[in-house]
Each structure stands twice: as C-alpha cells, then as structure tokens.
C-alpha atoms as a PDB file:
ATOM      1  CA  UNK A   1      -0.299   6.262 -70.313  1.00  0.00           C
ATOM      2  CA  UNK A   2      -0.328   5.046 -73.589  1.00  0.00           C
ATOM      3  CA  UNK A   3       0.142   7.863 -76.531  1.00  0.00           C
ATOM      4  CA  UNK A   4      -3.348   7.881 -77.715  1.00  0.00           C
ATOM      5  CA  UNK A   5      -4.393   8.423 -74.208  1.00  0.00           C
ATOM      6  CA  UNK A   6      -2.011  11.220 -73.901  1.00  0.00           C
ATOM      7  CA  UNK A   7      -3.243  12.880 -77.183  1.00  0.00           C
ATOM      8  CA  UNK A   8      -6.761  12.700 -75.365  1.00  0.00           C
ATOM      9  CA  UNK A   9      -5.759  14.000 -72.197  1.00  0.00           C
ATOM     10  CA  UNK A  10      -4.298  17.029 -73.647  1.00  0.00           C
ATOM     11  CA  UNK A  11      -6.987  17.524 -76.128  1.00  0.00           C
ATOM     12  CA  UNK A  12      -9.145  17.718 -73.333  1.00  0.00           C
ATOM     13  CA  UNK A  13      -7.064  19.931 -71.234  1.00  0.00           C
ATOM     14  CA  UNK A  14      -6.840  22.624 -74.162  1.00  0.00           C
ATOM     15  CA  UNK A  15     -10.963  22.372 -74.847  1.00  0.00           C
ATOM     16  CA  UNK A  16     -11.147  23.086 -70.764  1.00  0.00           C
ATOM     17  CA  UNK A  17      -8.709  26.132 -71.162  1.00  0.00           C
ATOM     18  CA  UNK A  18     -10.702  27.388 -74.422  1.00  0.00           C
ATOM     19  CA  UNK A  19     -13.962  26.935 -72.394  1.00  0.00           C
ATOM     20  CA  UNK A  20     -12.303  29.212 -69.309  1.00  0.00           C
ATOM     21  CA  UNK A  21     -11.261  31.818 -72.053  1.00  0.00           C
ATOM     22  CA  UNK A  22     -14.687  31.704 -73.473  1.00  0.00           C
ATOM     23  CA  UNK A  23     -16.523  32.153 -70.190  1.00  0.00           C
ATOM     24  CA  UNK A  24     -14.122  35.005 -69.616  1.00  0.00           C
ATOM     25  CA  UNK A  25     -14.693  37.104 -72.661  1.00  0.00           C
ATOM     26  CA  UNK A  26     -18.398  36.467 -71.968  1.00  0.00           C
ATOM     27  CA  UNK A  27     -18.216  37.672 -68.416  1.00  0.00           C
ATOM     28  CA  UNK A  28     -15.987  40.686 -69.572  1.00  0.00           C
ATOM     29  CA  UNK A  29     -18.566  41.872 -72.250  1.00  0.00           C
ATOM     30  CA  UNK A  30     -15.488  41.454 -74.679  1.00  0.00           C
ATOM     31  CA  UNK A  31     -17.521  41.375 -77.817  1.00  0.00           C
ATOM     32  CA  UNK A  32     -14.312  40.848 -79.816  1.00  0.00           C
ATOM     33  CA  UNK A  33     -12.910  38.120 -77.747  1.00  0.00           C
ATOM     34  CA  UNK A  34     -16.065  36.299 -77.773  1.00  0.00           C
ATOM     35  CA  UNK A  35     -16.484  36.482 -81.360  1.00  0.00           C
ATOM     36  CA  UNK A  36     -12.841  35.413 -82.140  1.00  0.00           C
ATOM     37  CA  UNK A  37     -14.061  31.970 -80.158  1.00  0.00           C
ATOM     38  CA  UNK A  38     -16.648  31.395 -83.060  1.00  0.00           C
ATOM     39  CA  UNK A  39     -15.633  30.533 -86.365  1.00  0.00           C
ATOM     40  CA  UNK A  40     -16.551  32.377 -89.553  1.00  0.00           C
ATOM     41  CA  UNK A  41     -19.077  29.556 -90.572  1.00  0.00           C
ATOM     42  CA  UNK A  42     -20.694  29.205 -87.156  1.00  0.00           C
ATOM     43  CA  UNK A  43     -24.413  28.166 -86.819  1.00  0.00           C
ATOM     44  CA  UNK A  44     -25.937  28.399 -83.508  1.00  0.00           C
ATOM     45  CA  UNK A  45     -29.293  27.854 -81.865  1.00  0.00           C
ATOM     46  CA  UNK A  46     -31.000  29.675 -78.737  1.00  0.00           C
ATOM     47  CA  UNK A  47     -34.080  28.803 -77.442  1.00  0.00           C
ATOM     48  CA  UNK A  48     -34.949  32.283 -76.703  1.00  0.00           C
ATOM     49  CA  UNK A  49     -34.349  33.283 -80.294  1.00  0.00           C
ATOM     50  CA  UNK A  50     -36.453  33.055 -83.474  1.00  0.00           C
ATOM     51  CA  UNK A  51     -33.921  32.458 -85.800  1.00  0.00           C
ATOM     52  CA  UNK A  52     -30.488  30.628 -85.958  1.00  0.00           C
ATOM     53  CA  UNK A  53     -27.182  32.768 -85.141  1.00  0.00           C
ATOM     54  CA  UNK A  54     -25.114  32.632 -88.193  1.00  0.00           C
ATOM     55  CA  UNK A  55     -21.091  33.069 -87.878  1.00  0.00           C
ATOM     56  CA  UNK A  56     -19.482  36.337 -85.841  1.00  0.00           C
ATOM     57  CA  UNK A  57     -21.980  38.417 -86.554  1.00  0.00           C
ATOM     58  CA  UNK A  58     -24.674  36.195 -85.512  1.00  0.00           C
ATOM     59  CA  UNK A  59     -23.251  35.460 -82.277  1.00  0.00           C
ATOM     60  CA  UNK A  60     -22.478  39.054 -81.653  1.00  0.00           C
ATOM     61  CA  UNK A  61     -26.009  40.517 -82.477  1.00  0.00           C
ATOM     62  CA  UNK A  62     -27.193  37.737 -80.008  1.00  0.00           C
ATOM     63  CA  UNK A  63     -24.955  38.771 -77.333  1.00  0.00           C
ATOM     64  CA  UNK A  64     -25.535  42.393 -77.800  1.00  0.00           C
ATOM     65  CA  UNK A  65     -29.277  41.750 -77.034  1.00  0.00           C
ATOM     66  CA  UNK A  66     -28.574  39.766 -73.929  1.00  0.00           C
ATOM     67  CA  UNK A  67     -26.350  42.548 -73.030  1.00  0.00           C
ATOM     68  CA  UNK A  68     -28.668  45.430 -73.856  1.00  0.00           C
ATOM     69  CA  UNK A  69     -31.201  43.799 -71.489  1.00  0.00           C
ATOM     70  CA  UNK A  70     -28.654  42.403 -68.742  1.00  0.00           C
ATOM     71  CA  UNK A  71     -25.786  44.635 -68.726  1.00  0.00           C
ATOM     72  CA  UNK A  72     -24.564  42.961 -65.780  1.00  0.00           C
ATOM     73  CA  UNK A  73     -24.896  39.527 -67.094  1.00  0.00           C
ATOM     74  CA  UNK A  74     -22.079  36.946 -65.760  1.00  0.00           C
ATOM     75  CA  UNK A  75     -22.008  33.501 -66.095  1.00  0.00           C
ATOM     76  CA  UNK A  76     -20.425  30.526 -63.973  1.00  0.00           C
ATOM     77  CA  UNK A  77     -19.559  27.191 -64.942  1.00  0.00           C
ATOM     78  CA  UNK A  78     -21.077  24.448 -63.132  1.00  0.00           C
ATOM     79  CA  UNK A  79     -19.953  21.147 -64.921  1.00  0.00           C
ATOM     80  CA  UNK A  80     -18.572  20.442 -67.853  1.00  0.00           C
ATOM     81  CA  UNK A  81     -18.412  17.168 -70.174  1.00  0.00           C
ATOM     82  CA  UNK A  82     -15.945  17.218 -73.166  1.00  0.00           C
ATOM     83  CA  UNK A  83     -16.231  13.943 -75.807  1.00  0.00           C
ATOM     84  CA  UNK A  84     -13.414  14.803 -78.416  1.00  0.00           C
ATOM     85  CA  UNK A  85     -14.952  17.910 -80.249  1.00  0.00           C
ATOM     86  CA  UNK A  86     -18.041  18.149 -78.213  1.00  0.00           C
ATOM     87  CA  UNK A  87     -18.596  19.836 -75.342  1.00  0.00           C
ATOM     88  CA  UNK A  88     -21.724  20.506 -72.589  1.00  0.00           C
ATOM     89  CA  UNK A  89     -21.686  23.004 -70.277  1.00  0.00           C
ATOM     90  CA  UNK A  90     -23.880  23.317 -67.368  1.00  0.00           C
ATOM     91  CA  UNK A  91     -23.994  27.054 -66.330  1.00  0.00           C
ATOM     92  CA  UNK A  92     -25.924  29.528 -64.075  1.00  0.00           C
ATOM     93  CA  UNK A  93     -26.391  33.025 -65.341  1.00  0.00           C
ATOM     94  CA  UNK A  94     -26.981  36.484 -62.871  1.00  0.00           C
ATOM     95  CA  UNK A  95     -28.260  39.423 -63.813  1.00  0.00           C
ATOM     96  CA  UNK A  96     -30.284  42.528 -63.682  1.00  0.00           C
ATOM     97  CA  UNK A  97     -33.201  42.992 -66.222  1.00  0.00           C
ATOM     98  CA  UNK A  98     -32.214  46.750 -66.902  1.00  0.00           C
ATOM     99  CA  UNK A  99     -33.458  46.877 -70.529  1.00  0.00           C
ATOM    100  CA  UNK A 100     -35.826  45.556 -72.946  1.00  0.00           C
ATOM    101  CA  UNK A 101     -35.943  41.981 -73.693  1.00  0.00           C
ATOM    102  CA  UNK A 102     -38.598  40.064 -75.641  1.00  0.00           C
ATOM    103  CA  UNK A 103     -40.377  43.238 -75.980  1.00  0.00           C
ATOM    104  CA  UNK A 104     -40.491  43.340 -72.302  1.00  0.00           C
ATOM    105  CA  UNK A 105     -39.389  46.591 -70.313  1.00  0.00           C
ATOM    106  CA  UNK A 106     -37.066  46.687 -67.658  1.00  0.00           C
ATOM    107  CA  UNK A 107     -38.091  45.468 -64.323  1.00  0.00           C
ATOM    108  CA  UNK A 108     -34.832  46.219 -62.242  1.00  0.00           C
ATOM    109  CA  UNK A 109     -35.140  42.793 -60.960  1.00  0.00           C
ATOM    110  CA  UNK A 110     -32.110  40.362 -60.529  1.00  0.00           C
ATOM    111  CA  UNK A 111     -32.483  36.782 -62.198  1.00  0.00           C
ATOM    112  CA  UNK A 112     -30.578  33.568 -61.582  1.00  0.00           C
ATOM    113  CA  UNK A 113     -31.033  31.208 -64.732  1.00  0.00           C
ATOM    114  CA  UNK A 114     -29.738  28.178 -65.389  1.00  0.00           C
ATOM    115  CA  UNK A 115     -29.038  26.603 -68.706  1.00  0.00           C
ATOM    116  CA  UNK A 116     -27.040  24.115 -70.676  1.00  0.00           C
ATOM    117  CA  UNK A 117     -24.802  24.640 -73.696  1.00  0.00           C
ATOM    118  CA  UNK A 118     -23.779  22.186 -76.647  1.00  0.00           C
ATOM    119  CA  UNK A 119     -20.816  23.060 -78.429  1.00  0.00           C
ATOM    120  CA  UNK A 120     -18.856  21.464 -81.441  1.00  0.00           C
ATOM    121  CA  UNK A 121     -15.556  22.703 -82.133  1.00  0.00           C
ATOM    122  CA  UNK A 122     -13.036  22.536 -84.858  1.00  0.00           C
ATOM    123  CA  UNK A 123      -9.806  24.375 -85.602  1.00  0.00           C
ATOM    124  CA  UNK A 124      -9.696  25.808 -81.996  1.00  0.00           C
ATOM    125  CA  UNK A 125     -13.134  27.469 -82.517  1.00  0.00           C
ATOM    126  CA  UNK A 126     -16.860  26.817 -82.218  1.00  0.00           C
ATOM    127  CA  UNK A 127     -18.780  25.888 -85.441  1.00  0.00           C
ATOM    128  CA  UNK A 128     -22.216  24.978 -83.742  1.00  0.00           C
ATOM    129  CA  UNK A 129     -23.833  25.433 -80.508  1.00  0.00           C
ATOM    130  CA  UNK A 130     -26.877  24.570 -78.867  1.00  0.00           C
ATOM    131  CA  UNK A 131     -28.314  27.301 -76.106  1.00  0.00           C
ATOM    132  CA  UNK A 132     -30.955  25.735 -73.919  1.00  0.00           C
ATOM    133  CA  UNK A 133     -31.741  27.874 -70.607  1.00  0.00           C
ATOM    134  CA  UNK A 134     -35.056  27.966 -68.550  1.00  0.00           C
ATOM    135  CA  UNK A 135     -36.878  31.042 -69.886  1.00  0.00           C
ATOM    136  CA  UNK A 136     -39.539  30.292 -67.991  1.00  0.00           C
ATOM    137  CA  UNK A 137     -37.660  30.656 -64.350  1.00  0.00           C
ATOM    138  CA  UNK A 138     -36.321  34.055 -65.970  1.00  0.00           C
ATOM    139  CA  UNK A 139     -40.059  35.336 -66.267  1.00  0.00           C
ATOM    140  CA  UNK A 140     -40.957  34.158 -62.936  1.00  0.00           C
ATOM    141  CA  UNK A 141     -38.106  36.265 -61.935  1.00  0.00           C
ATOM    142  CA  UNK A 142     -39.143  39.549 -63.149  1.00  0.00           C
ATOM    143  CA  UNK A 143     -42.689  38.949 -62.493  1.00  0.00           C
ATOM    144  CA  UNK A 144     -44.399  37.780 -65.592  1.00  0.00           C
ATOM    145  CA  UNK A 145     -45.211  34.395 -64.796  1.00  0.00           C
ATOM    146  CA  UNK A 146     -46.596  32.876 -61.259  1.00  0.00           C
ATOM    147  CA  UNK A 147     -44.891  30.725 -59.227  1.00  0.00           C
ATOM    148  CA  UNK A 148     -45.408  27.033 -59.427  1.00  0.00           C
END
C-alpha cells in the first residue's frame, strides 16, 4: 500500500468512526454531543424545514423539534459512502409520533422512515449537510395520506 492510499484509508476509517459517534449521539438524544459534531458556521438543509439550519444553534433547534414530536426517535445506518471529505449516509428512522409536528397533533402511531444525508466535513466537524427523507411515507404512516 503506498503512502497516499494509506492516508486515504486512515481518513476513511476516521470518518467512519465519526459517523458512528454522530449516530450514537443522535440516538442517545445527547444534544451537546450532537452539536459538537457540527462546525460553528455549519449550514444545513432539511426537506421538512422551511429555513436552513445555521450553526450549532440551528442543528439543536432542528433536533429539538424532531425529538418533541418523536421522543423515541432512533436511526440506523443502512449504508455509507465516503469520498474524501464528503459522506452520503442512507438511513432508516424509527419513532412514535407523540408530539406536534408540521402542526399535526400526536397520533401515537409508529413510523419507519427512510432517508439519506449528505455531509461535508472539515476539521473533524460537519460544515454543511442536506437531509432528504420520505416525508410522504411518514404522513401515510400517521394516517394523513392515503396508501398509494
């Protein structure tokens, strides 16, 4: 293995560990650990939110909204692709709708939602992200959209 390949493998391994730590923090609902994974100048876009997430405050606000609606929210990583400082994660979320979301009162229904997250890392932190997930599937599972 040449030195360049070795450096790339170490970077991929470090990034894989970082993603595992991020998911653990999210599944533990540890807002401090989650926020520490994001850069102070972070900018993120979530298909479910009208405005971008800005900085650690933005990711805390977004995560707080999801946890208020789904207090048992848990993510599993289905696949990840790491290319330098870019990461694509395919995930599944499991939760029970126990709080208001999108002005929808709690239904008590369990949901399973699939999505993908695209991250850009710099200096061991997330500097930008796009969260794309199946909002329609969630709405079907809580009874607001008919089955296709």
